[in-house]
Amino acid sequence: QVQLVESGGGLVQPGGSLRLSCAASTNIFSIAAMGWYRQAPGKQRGLVAQILSGGSTTYEDSVKGRFIISRDNAKNTAYLQMNSLKPEDTAVYYCNLVSGKGVVYWGKGTLVTVSS
């Protein structure tokens, strides 16, 4: 069973930055993908950013140019650098991992609040 532990959430003012981390309990070198999803109150969970095994990335339109997803295979950790944060970015952010066999794992989430 793979465990994912997110960290780095918190309260930030509009225009500020945060970096989320997702530490995996398994070697991430051979996984299919890691990603970040978010769920705001009253809304469905949706993809924010994803990085595939080959390093290619995908972003939700509203975060393009502001967020950067990356991974450090040596540390078994994925990151989400969030810049120019807006109040509408407020949500619980969940880390997601898809194994090489297609099994999906989720972290418990970390809350990001963007407010003045």
N, C-alpha and C. Protein backbone atom coordinates (compact mmCIF):
# COMPACT_ATOMS: atom_id res chain seq x y z
N GLN A 1 0.84 -1.18 0.00
CA GLN A 1 0.00 0.00 0.00
C GLN A 1 0.88 1.25 0.00
N VAL A 2 0.68 2.10 -0.96
CA VAL A 2 1.47 3.33 -1.07
C VAL A 2 0.81 4.41 -0.22
N GLN A 3 1.62 5.12 0.52
CA GLN A 3 1.13 6.26 1.29
C GLN A 3 1.69 7.54 0.72
N LEU A 4 0.84 8.54 0.65
CA LEU A 4 1.23 9.86 0.18
C LEU A 4 0.95 10.87 1.27
N VAL A 5 1.94 11.68 1.58
CA VAL A 5 1.80 12.67 2.64
C VAL A 5 2.07 14.05 2.07
N GLU A 6 1.02 14.89 2.07
CA GLU A 6 1.15 16.25 1.57
C GLU A 6 1.57 17.19 2.69
N SER A 7 2.26 18.25 2.32
CA SER A 7 2.61 19.30 3.27
C SER A 7 2.78 20.60 2.51
N GLY A 8 2.81 21.70 3.26
CA GLY A 8 3.07 22.99 2.65
C GLY A 8 1.87 23.90 2.50
N GLY A 9 0.69 23.40 2.83
CA GLY A 9 -0.49 24.25 2.74
C GLY A 9 -0.52 25.29 3.84
N GLY A 10 -1.46 26.22 3.73
CA GLY A 10 -1.59 27.25 4.75
C GLY A 10 -2.33 28.46 4.23
N LEU A 11 -2.23 29.53 4.98
CA LEU A 11 -2.89 30.79 4.63
C LEU A 11 -1.88 31.71 3.95
N VAL A 12 -2.28 32.28 2.83
CA VAL A 12 -1.40 33.18 2.09
C VAL A 12 -2.25 34.31 1.52
N GLN A 13 -1.65 35.47 1.39
CA GLN A 13 -2.37 36.61 0.81
C GLN A 13 -2.42 36.50 -0.71
N PRO A 14 -3.41 37.11 -1.32
CA PRO A 14 -3.45 37.13 -2.79
C PRO A 14 -2.15 37.68 -3.37
N GLY A 15 -1.67 37.01 -4.42
CA GLY A 15 -0.40 37.39 -5.02
C GLY A 15 0.79 36.67 -4.44
N GLY A 16 0.57 35.96 -3.35
CA GLY A 16 1.66 35.25 -2.69
C GLY A 16 1.96 33.91 -3.32
N SER A 17 2.90 33.19 -2.69
CA SER A 17 3.33 31.89 -3.21
C SER A 17 3.34 30.85 -2.09
N LEU A 18 3.16 29.62 -2.49
CA LEU A 18 3.30 28.46 -1.61
C LEU A 18 3.90 27.32 -2.42
N ARG A 19 4.60 26.43 -1.75
CA ARG A 19 5.07 25.21 -2.39
C ARG A 19 4.54 24.01 -1.63
N LEU A 20 3.78 23.20 -2.32
CA LEU A 20 3.27 21.96 -1.74
C LEU A 20 4.24 20.82 -2.03
N SER A 21 4.34 19.92 -1.09
CA SER A 21 5.17 18.73 -1.26
C SER A 21 4.31 17.48 -1.06
N CYS A 22 4.66 16.44 -1.78
CA CYS A 22 3.97 15.15 -1.64
C CYS A 22 5.03 14.07 -1.55
N ALA A 23 5.21 13.51 -0.36
CA ALA A 23 6.19 12.46 -0.15
C ALA A 23 5.53 11.10 -0.29
N ALA A 24 6.08 10.27 -1.15
CA ALA A 24 5.54 8.93 -1.39
C ALA A 24 6.34 7.89 -0.62
N SER A 25 5.64 6.83 -0.20
CA SER A 25 6.30 5.77 0.56
C SER A 25 6.89 4.71 -0.36
N THR A 26 6.91 4.99 -1.66
CA THR A 26 7.44 4.05 -2.62
C THR A 26 8.39 4.77 -3.57
N ASN A 27 9.18 4.00 -4.28
CA ASN A 27 10.06 4.55 -5.30
C ASN A 27 9.21 5.05 -6.46
N ILE A 28 9.35 6.34 -6.79
CA ILE A 28 8.49 6.92 -7.81
C ILE A 28 9.11 6.89 -9.20
N PHE A 29 10.27 6.29 -9.32
CA PHE A 29 10.96 6.31 -10.62
C PHE A 29 10.14 5.63 -11.71
N SER A 30 9.47 4.52 -11.37
CA SER A 30 8.78 3.74 -12.39
C SER A 30 7.26 3.91 -12.39
N ILE A 31 6.77 4.91 -11.67
CA ILE A 31 5.33 5.09 -11.65
C ILE A 31 4.86 5.73 -12.96
N ALA A 32 3.57 5.67 -13.20
CA ALA A 32 3.03 6.23 -14.43
C ALA A 32 2.89 7.75 -14.35
N ALA A 33 2.42 8.23 -13.21
CA ALA A 33 2.18 9.66 -13.09
C ALA A 33 2.00 10.06 -11.64
N MET A 34 2.28 11.33 -11.38
CA MET A 34 1.91 11.96 -10.11
C MET A 34 1.20 13.26 -10.43
N GLY A 35 0.28 13.62 -9.57
CA GLY A 35 -0.47 14.83 -9.87
C GLY A 35 -1.01 15.49 -8.63
N TRP A 36 -1.54 16.66 -8.82
CA TRP A 36 -2.20 17.42 -7.79
C TRP A 36 -3.62 17.73 -8.24
N TYR A 37 -4.55 17.46 -7.36
CA TYR A 37 -5.96 17.78 -7.58
C TYR A 37 -6.38 18.74 -6.47
N ARG A 38 -7.49 19.42 -6.69
CA ARG A 38 -8.01 20.29 -5.64
C ARG A 38 -9.52 20.23 -5.60
N GLN A 39 -10.05 20.51 -4.41
CA GLN A 39 -11.49 20.51 -4.23
C GLN A 39 -11.85 21.70 -3.36
N ALA A 40 -12.58 22.63 -3.94
CA ALA A 40 -13.08 23.79 -3.21
C ALA A 40 -14.44 23.45 -2.61
N PRO A 41 -14.86 24.18 -1.59
CA PRO A 41 -16.16 23.90 -0.97
C PRO A 41 -17.28 23.94 -1.99
N GLY A 42 -18.10 22.89 -2.00
CA GLY A 42 -19.23 22.83 -2.89
C GLY A 42 -18.91 22.47 -4.32
N LYS A 43 -17.65 22.14 -4.60
CA LYS A 43 -17.25 21.81 -5.96
C LYS A 43 -16.65 20.42 -6.01
N GLN A 44 -16.58 19.87 -7.21
CA GLN A 44 -15.97 18.56 -7.39
C GLN A 44 -14.45 18.67 -7.42
N ARG A 45 -13.82 17.57 -7.08
CA ARG A 45 -12.37 17.51 -7.16
C ARG A 45 -11.95 17.51 -8.62
N GLY A 46 -10.93 18.32 -8.93
CA GLY A 46 -10.47 18.41 -10.31
C GLY A 46 -8.96 18.46 -10.39
N LEU A 47 -8.44 18.08 -11.55
CA LEU A 47 -7.01 18.06 -11.79
C LEU A 47 -6.45 19.48 -11.84
N VAL A 48 -5.34 19.68 -11.15
CA VAL A 48 -4.61 20.95 -11.22
C VAL A 48 -3.40 20.80 -12.12
N ALA A 49 -2.60 19.77 -11.85
CA ALA A 49 -1.38 19.55 -12.63
C ALA A 49 -0.97 18.09 -12.50
N GLN A 50 -0.32 17.61 -13.55
CA GLN A 50 0.13 16.22 -13.56
C GLN A 50 1.48 16.13 -14.25
N ILE A 51 2.32 15.24 -13.74
CA ILE A 51 3.61 14.99 -14.38
C ILE A 51 3.72 13.50 -14.65
N LEU A 52 4.03 13.15 -15.89
CA LEU A 52 4.10 11.76 -16.29
C LEU A 52 5.51 11.20 -16.08
N SER A 53 5.64 9.90 -16.26
CA SER A 53 6.91 9.24 -16.01
C SER A 53 8.04 9.82 -16.86
N GLY A 54 7.71 10.23 -18.07
CA GLY A 54 8.73 10.79 -18.96
C GLY A 54 9.05 12.23 -18.69
N GLY A 55 8.30 12.84 -17.78
CA GLY A 55 8.56 14.23 -17.41
C GLY A 55 7.61 15.24 -18.03
N SER A 56 6.76 14.81 -18.95
CA SER A 56 5.82 15.76 -19.54
C SER A 56 4.78 16.17 -18.51
N THR A 57 4.28 17.39 -18.67
CA THR A 57 3.37 17.95 -17.68
C THR A 57 2.08 18.44 -18.33
N THR A 58 1.04 18.46 -17.52
CA THR A 58 -0.27 18.98 -17.93
C THR A 58 -0.79 19.88 -16.84
N TYR A 59 -1.43 20.98 -17.23
CA TYR A 59 -1.97 21.92 -16.26
C TYR A 59 -3.41 22.27 -16.60
N GLU A 60 -4.19 22.51 -15.57
CA GLU A 60 -5.52 23.05 -15.73
C GLU A 60 -5.36 24.49 -16.22
N ASP A 61 -6.26 24.92 -17.08
CA ASP A 61 -6.08 26.21 -17.75
C ASP A 61 -5.90 27.38 -16.78
N SER A 62 -6.62 27.39 -15.69
CA SER A 62 -6.58 28.55 -14.80
C SER A 62 -5.26 28.70 -14.05
N VAL A 63 -4.44 27.66 -14.05
CA VAL A 63 -3.16 27.74 -13.31
C VAL A 63 -1.95 27.81 -14.23
N LYS A 64 -2.18 27.71 -15.53
CA LYS A 64 -1.05 27.78 -16.48
C LYS A 64 -0.31 29.10 -16.33
N GLY A 65 1.01 29.02 -16.27
CA GLY A 65 1.83 30.21 -16.10
C GLY A 65 2.00 30.63 -14.65
N ARG A 66 1.24 30.02 -13.74
CA ARG A 66 1.36 30.38 -12.32
C ARG A 66 1.88 29.22 -11.47
N PHE A 67 1.47 28.01 -11.81
CA PHE A 67 1.85 26.83 -11.04
C PHE A 67 2.86 26.00 -11.82
N ILE A 68 3.75 25.35 -11.09
CA ILE A 68 4.73 24.45 -11.70
C ILE A 68 4.79 23.15 -10.91
N ILE A 69 4.60 22.04 -11.61
CA ILE A 69 4.70 20.73 -10.97
C ILE A 69 6.08 20.15 -11.29
N SER A 70 6.67 19.49 -10.31
CA SER A 70 7.96 18.86 -10.51
C SER A 70 8.07 17.63 -9.61
N ARG A 71 9.09 16.85 -9.83
CA ARG A 71 9.29 15.67 -9.00
C ARG A 71 10.78 15.44 -8.79
N ASP A 72 11.12 14.89 -7.65
CA ASP A 72 12.49 14.53 -7.33
C ASP A 72 12.50 13.03 -7.05
N ASN A 73 12.94 12.25 -8.02
CA ASN A 73 12.90 10.80 -7.88
C ASN A 73 13.77 10.32 -6.71
N ALA A 74 14.87 11.02 -6.46
CA ALA A 74 15.76 10.60 -5.38
C ALA A 74 15.09 10.74 -4.02
N LYS A 75 14.18 11.70 -3.91
CA LYS A 75 13.48 11.92 -2.64
C LYS A 75 12.07 11.33 -2.65
N ASN A 76 11.67 10.71 -3.76
CA ASN A 76 10.33 10.15 -3.88
C ASN A 76 9.26 11.21 -3.55
N THR A 77 9.47 12.39 -4.06
CA THR A 77 8.62 13.53 -3.71
C THR A 77 8.23 14.32 -4.96
N ALA A 78 6.99 14.74 -4.98
CA ALA A 78 6.51 15.65 -6.01
C ALA A 78 6.19 17.00 -5.37
N TYR A 79 6.28 18.03 -6.18
CA TYR A 79 6.08 19.38 -5.67
C TYR A 79 5.08 20.12 -6.56
N LEU A 80 4.44 21.11 -5.95
CA LEU A 80 3.61 22.03 -6.72
C LEU A 80 3.97 23.43 -6.24
N GLN A 81 4.69 24.16 -7.08
CA GLN A 81 5.02 25.55 -6.79
C GLN A 81 3.87 26.41 -7.28
N MET A 82 3.27 27.15 -6.36
CA MET A 82 2.11 27.96 -6.70
C MET A 82 2.45 29.43 -6.51
N ASN A 83 2.41 30.18 -7.59
CA ASN A 83 2.74 31.61 -7.57
C ASN A 83 1.51 32.43 -7.96
N SER A 84 1.56 33.70 -7.64
CA SER A 84 0.47 34.63 -7.99
C SER A 84 -0.87 34.06 -7.57
N LEU A 85 -0.95 33.60 -6.35
CA LEU A 85 -2.16 32.94 -5.87
C LEU A 85 -3.34 33.89 -5.82
N LYS A 86 -4.51 33.33 -6.11
CA LYS A 86 -5.76 34.09 -6.14
C LYS A 86 -6.73 33.48 -5.13
N PRO A 87 -7.70 34.26 -4.68
CA PRO A 87 -8.70 33.69 -3.76
C PRO A 87 -9.39 32.45 -4.32
N GLU A 88 -9.57 32.39 -5.61
CA GLU A 88 -10.22 31.23 -6.22
C GLU A 88 -9.35 29.98 -6.23
N ASP A 89 -8.10 30.10 -5.83
CA ASP A 89 -7.24 28.92 -5.66
C ASP A 89 -7.46 28.24 -4.31
N THR A 90 -8.25 28.86 -3.46
CA THR A 90 -8.54 28.28 -2.15
C THR A 90 -9.23 26.93 -2.30
N ALA A 91 -8.64 25.92 -1.69
CA ALA A 91 -9.17 24.56 -1.82
C ALA A 91 -8.32 23.61 -0.97
N VAL A 92 -8.81 22.40 -0.83
CA VAL A 92 -7.97 21.33 -0.31
C VAL A 92 -7.26 20.71 -1.50
N TYR A 93 -5.96 20.61 -1.40
CA TYR A 93 -5.14 20.07 -2.48
C TYR A 93 -4.72 18.64 -2.14
N TYR A 94 -4.97 17.75 -3.08
CA TYR A 94 -4.68 16.33 -2.89
C TYR A 94 -3.60 15.86 -3.85
N CYS A 95 -2.68 15.08 -3.31
CA CYS A 95 -1.67 14.45 -4.14
C CYS A 95 -2.23 13.13 -4.67
N ASN A 96 -1.84 12.80 -5.88
CA ASN A 96 -2.33 11.61 -6.57
C ASN A 96 -1.15 10.89 -7.21
N LEU A 97 -1.16 9.58 -7.13
CA LEU A 97 -0.10 8.78 -7.77
C LEU A 97 -0.76 7.64 -8.51
N VAL A 98 -0.31 7.41 -9.73
CA VAL A 98 -0.77 6.27 -10.53
C VAL A 98 0.42 5.35 -10.73
N SER A 99 0.29 4.13 -10.23
CA SER A 99 1.41 3.20 -10.31
C SER A 99 1.60 2.70 -11.74
N GLY A 100 2.69 2.01 -11.96
CA GLY A 100 2.94 1.43 -13.27
C GLY A 100 1.90 0.41 -13.68
N LYS A 101 1.17 -0.12 -12.71
CA LYS A 101 0.11 -1.10 -12.98
C LYS A 101 -1.27 -0.44 -13.04
N GLY A 102 -1.30 0.89 -12.92
CA GLY A 102 -2.56 1.60 -13.03
C GLY A 102 -3.33 1.76 -11.74
N VAL A 103 -2.74 1.42 -10.61
CA VAL A 103 -3.42 1.60 -9.33
C VAL A 103 -3.28 3.06 -8.91
N VAL A 104 -4.38 3.61 -8.43
CA VAL A 104 -4.41 5.04 -8.06
C VAL A 104 -4.39 5.17 -6.54
N TYR A 105 -3.55 6.05 -6.08
CA TYR A 105 -3.44 6.34 -4.65
C TYR A 105 -3.66 7.83 -4.42
N TRP A 106 -4.18 8.13 -3.23
CA TRP A 106 -4.47 9.52 -2.86
C TRP A 106 -3.89 9.84 -1.49
N GLY A 107 -3.45 11.09 -1.36
CA GLY A 107 -3.10 11.59 -0.05
C GLY A 107 -4.34 12.09 0.66
N LYS A 108 -4.17 12.55 1.90
CA LYS A 108 -5.31 13.01 2.70
C LYS A 108 -5.63 14.47 2.45
N GLY A 109 -4.75 15.18 1.78
CA GLY A 109 -5.01 16.57 1.41
C GLY A 109 -4.38 17.59 2.34
N THR A 110 -4.15 18.76 1.77
CA THR A 110 -3.64 19.89 2.55
C THR A 110 -4.41 21.14 2.13
N LEU A 111 -4.81 21.93 3.11
CA LEU A 111 -5.66 23.08 2.84
C LEU A 111 -4.83 24.30 2.45
N VAL A 112 -5.22 24.92 1.35
CA VAL A 112 -4.62 26.18 0.91
C VAL A 112 -5.71 27.24 0.95
N THR A 113 -5.47 28.30 1.70
CA THR A 113 -6.42 29.41 1.81
C THR A 113 -5.74 30.68 1.34
N VAL A 114 -6.34 31.31 0.33
CA VAL A 114 -5.81 32.55 -0.21
C VAL A 114 -6.77 33.67 0.18
N SER A 115 -6.32 34.51 1.08
CA SER A 115 -7.20 35.55 1.61
C SER A 115 -6.37 36.67 2.21
N SER A 116 -6.93 37.88 2.13
CA SER A 116 -6.27 39.02 2.77
C SER A 116 -6.83 39.25 4.16
